[in-house]
Amino acid sequence: MSNTADSSSSSDVVKNAIPPSILSRIDELSTSPIPAGLLSASLLLKGFTSSSTSTIPNSGTSGSSFAFHKKLQTAKPTKFGSLGFGSIMALGTYMMIDGDPINASGFNFAWSLLYLIVNGKSSISSLFRGHISPIGLSGLALFNTGIYGREFIWSKKSPFQN
């Protein structure tokens, strides 16, 4: 009798030893506040540690305004942009912690996508200048866009799956 109990417990150990699939882990992350909190913390850290806008002397010609525009264009994400997007992602993290995973997924998906629209091109160009933090932030935003977008649009609990 104990022989059958031992065989069933050993089969439970074998079943529990099999790691979950990647898709099940992504499903767990899509309802977790960890990815949004990681992006929020990274953006806030970037905002608090970056210097404010750099000054380019104005010589009074139109060429200096072009140089200033090019300097601002390559300096993304800006300090205030990082603090703004970081605060909004912190709000999305709170929504997820508060127990509203569908709406929080939609919120995080939309704001991560908006971050990519605003800062994506300049983060790629900053990689060629040797700056890796903008591409890392864009990578986190892309990851958040993917997992939260999947949860919001294709989840069984999604408002789009009626």
Protein backbone atom coordinates (compact mmCIF):
# COMPACT_ATOMS: atom_id res chain seq x y z
CA MET A 1 0.00 0.00 0.00
CA SER A 2 2.83 2.37 0.85
CA ASN A 3 4.40 1.38 -2.44
CA THR A 4 1.61 3.11 -4.42
CA ALA A 5 1.82 6.18 -2.22
CA ASP A 6 5.55 6.40 -2.86
CA SER A 7 5.07 6.07 -6.63
CA SER A 8 2.43 8.82 -6.72
CA SER A 9 4.58 11.17 -4.66
CA SER A 10 7.58 10.50 -6.90
CA SER A 11 5.48 11.32 -9.99
CA ASP A 12 4.44 14.59 -8.31
CA VAL A 13 8.09 15.43 -7.79
CA VAL A 14 8.80 14.75 -11.48
CA LYS A 15 5.84 16.93 -12.54
CA ASN A 16 6.98 19.75 -10.27
CA ALA A 17 10.57 19.47 -11.52
CA ILE A 18 9.56 20.40 -15.08
CA PRO A 19 10.05 24.15 -15.51
CA PRO A 20 7.07 26.11 -16.77
CA SER A 21 7.07 27.15 -20.39
CA ILE A 22 8.15 30.58 -21.51
CA LEU A 23 4.59 31.50 -22.49
CA SER A 24 3.27 30.72 -19.02
CA ARG A 25 6.01 32.89 -17.51
CA ILE A 26 5.10 35.73 -19.86
CA ASP A 27 1.45 35.31 -18.86
CA GLU A 28 2.49 35.66 -15.22
CA LEU A 29 4.55 38.77 -16.00
CA SER A 30 1.70 40.39 -17.93
CA THR A 31 -0.35 40.62 -14.75
CA SER A 32 2.62 41.52 -12.57
CA PRO A 33 3.70 45.03 -11.56
CA ILE A 34 7.40 44.10 -11.88
CA PRO A 35 8.02 45.12 -15.54
CA ALA A 36 6.21 48.45 -15.15
CA GLY A 37 7.96 49.09 -11.84
CA LEU A 38 11.34 48.33 -13.40
CA LEU A 39 10.72 50.78 -16.26
CA SER A 40 9.40 53.37 -13.82
CA ALA A 41 12.39 53.07 -11.52
CA SER A 42 14.81 53.20 -14.47
CA LEU A 43 13.18 56.31 -15.91
CA LEU A 44 13.05 58.06 -12.55
CA LEU A 45 16.69 57.21 -11.90
CA LYS A 46 17.63 58.56 -15.32
CA GLY A 47 15.63 61.72 -14.64
CA PHE A 48 17.12 62.36 -11.21
CA THR A 49 20.71 61.64 -12.24
CA SER A 50 20.83 63.39 -15.61
CA SER A 51 21.93 66.97 -15.92
CA SER A 52 19.56 69.64 -17.10
CA THR A 53 19.65 71.04 -20.61
CA SER A 54 23.02 71.93 -22.03
CA THR A 55 23.60 75.46 -23.19
CA ILE A 56 24.79 76.37 -26.64
CA PRO A 57 25.87 79.96 -27.03
CA ASN A 58 23.67 81.95 -29.37
CA SER A 59 25.69 83.86 -31.91
CA GLY A 60 22.62 85.55 -33.40
CA THR A 61 22.67 83.63 -36.67
CA SER A 62 20.24 81.06 -37.92
CA GLY A 63 22.96 78.41 -37.80
CA SER A 64 23.08 78.53 -34.01
CA SER A 65 19.37 77.76 -33.71
CA PHE A 66 19.86 74.77 -35.99
CA ALA A 67 22.77 73.57 -33.83
CA PHE A 68 20.66 74.03 -30.69
CA HIS A 69 17.80 72.06 -32.27
CA LYS A 70 20.15 69.22 -33.25
CA LYS A 71 21.62 69.17 -29.73
CA LEU A 72 18.16 68.95 -28.15
CA GLN A 73 17.06 66.29 -30.60
CA THR A 74 19.97 64.01 -29.73
CA ALA A 75 19.66 64.58 -25.97
CA LYS A 76 16.54 62.45 -25.54
CA PRO A 77 15.20 61.29 -23.18
CA THR A 78 15.26 64.64 -21.46
CA LYS A 79 15.28 65.06 -17.70
CA PHE A 80 11.67 66.20 -17.56
CA GLY A 81 10.57 63.55 -20.05
CA SER A 82 12.19 60.83 -17.98
CA LEU A 83 10.60 62.12 -14.79
CA GLY A 84 7.20 62.45 -16.47
CA PHE A 85 7.17 59.01 -18.07
CA GLY A 86 8.65 57.50 -14.90
CA SER A 87 5.87 58.99 -12.78
CA ILE A 88 3.20 57.76 -15.17
CA MET A 89 4.68 54.26 -15.20
CA ALA A 90 4.71 54.39 -11.38
CA LEU A 91 0.97 55.09 -11.57
CA GLY A 92 0.56 52.07 -13.85
CA THR A 93 2.54 49.99 -11.36
CA TYR A 94 0.20 51.12 -8.58
CA MET A 95 -2.82 50.22 -10.72
CA MET A 96 -1.40 46.71 -11.13
CA ILE A 97 -0.72 46.39 -7.39
CA ASP A 98 -4.21 47.70 -6.62
CA GLY A 99 -5.74 44.68 -8.36
CA ASP A 100 -6.91 45.93 -11.75
CA PRO A 101 -4.71 43.97 -14.18
CA ILE A 102 -6.72 44.52 -17.37
CA ASN A 103 -6.96 48.30 -17.12
CA ALA A 104 -3.41 48.56 -15.79
CA SER A 105 -2.19 46.47 -18.72
CA GLY A 106 -3.91 48.82 -21.15
CA PHE A 107 -2.52 51.87 -19.35
CA ASN A 108 1.03 50.49 -19.28
CA PHE A 109 0.78 49.35 -22.90
CA ALA A 110 -0.34 52.77 -24.10
CA TRP A 111 2.27 54.75 -22.15
CA SER A 112 5.11 52.39 -23.05
CA LEU A 113 4.15 52.68 -26.70
CA LEU A 114 3.99 56.46 -26.38
CA TYR A 115 7.48 56.44 -24.84
CA LEU A 116 8.74 54.49 -27.84
CA ILE A 117 7.09 56.92 -30.26
CA VAL A 118 8.64 59.93 -28.54
CA ASN A 119 12.12 58.54 -27.77
CA GLY A 120 12.64 55.49 -30.00
CA LYS A 121 14.46 57.08 -32.93
CA SER A 122 16.79 59.16 -30.80
CA SER A 123 17.64 56.15 -28.62
CA ILE A 124 18.77 54.21 -31.66
CA SER A 125 20.89 57.12 -32.88
CA SER A 126 22.38 57.57 -29.39
CA LEU A 127 23.70 54.02 -29.58
CA PHE A 128 26.00 55.10 -32.41
CA ARG A 129 27.35 57.88 -30.18
CA GLY A 130 28.17 55.41 -27.43
CA HIS A 131 25.25 56.07 -25.06
CA ILE A 132 23.62 52.83 -24.00
CA SER A 133 21.11 53.98 -21.38
CA PRO A 134 18.57 55.37 -23.91
CA ILE A 135 18.53 52.10 -25.86
CA GLY A 136 18.17 50.17 -22.60
CA LEU A 137 15.18 52.29 -21.59
CA SER A 138 13.64 51.81 -25.03
CA GLY A 139 14.23 48.07 -24.74
CA LEU A 140 12.39 48.00 -21.42
CA ALA A 141 9.57 50.04 -22.94
CA LEU A 142 9.38 47.65 -25.90
CA PHE A 143 9.23 44.68 -23.52
CA ASN A 144 6.44 46.36 -21.54
CA THR A 145 4.58 47.19 -24.75
CA GLY A 146 4.73 43.57 -25.83
CA ILE A 147 3.68 41.85 -22.63
CA TYR A 148 1.07 44.37 -21.51
CA GLY A 149 -0.31 44.74 -25.03
CA ARG A 150 -0.68 40.99 -25.27
CA GLU A 151 -2.55 40.93 -21.96
CA PHE A 152 -4.79 43.87 -22.82
CA ILE A 153 -5.69 42.93 -26.38
CA TRP A 154 -5.54 39.12 -26.57
CA SER A 155 -6.32 38.03 -23.02
CA LYS A 156 -9.44 35.98 -22.35
CA LYS A 157 -10.55 38.71 -19.94
CA SER A 158 -9.87 41.48 -22.46
CA PRO A 159 -12.73 43.79 -23.48
CA PHE A 160 -11.78 43.07 -27.10
CA GLN A 161 -12.47 39.32 -26.80
CA ASN A 162 -16.25 39.50 -26.39
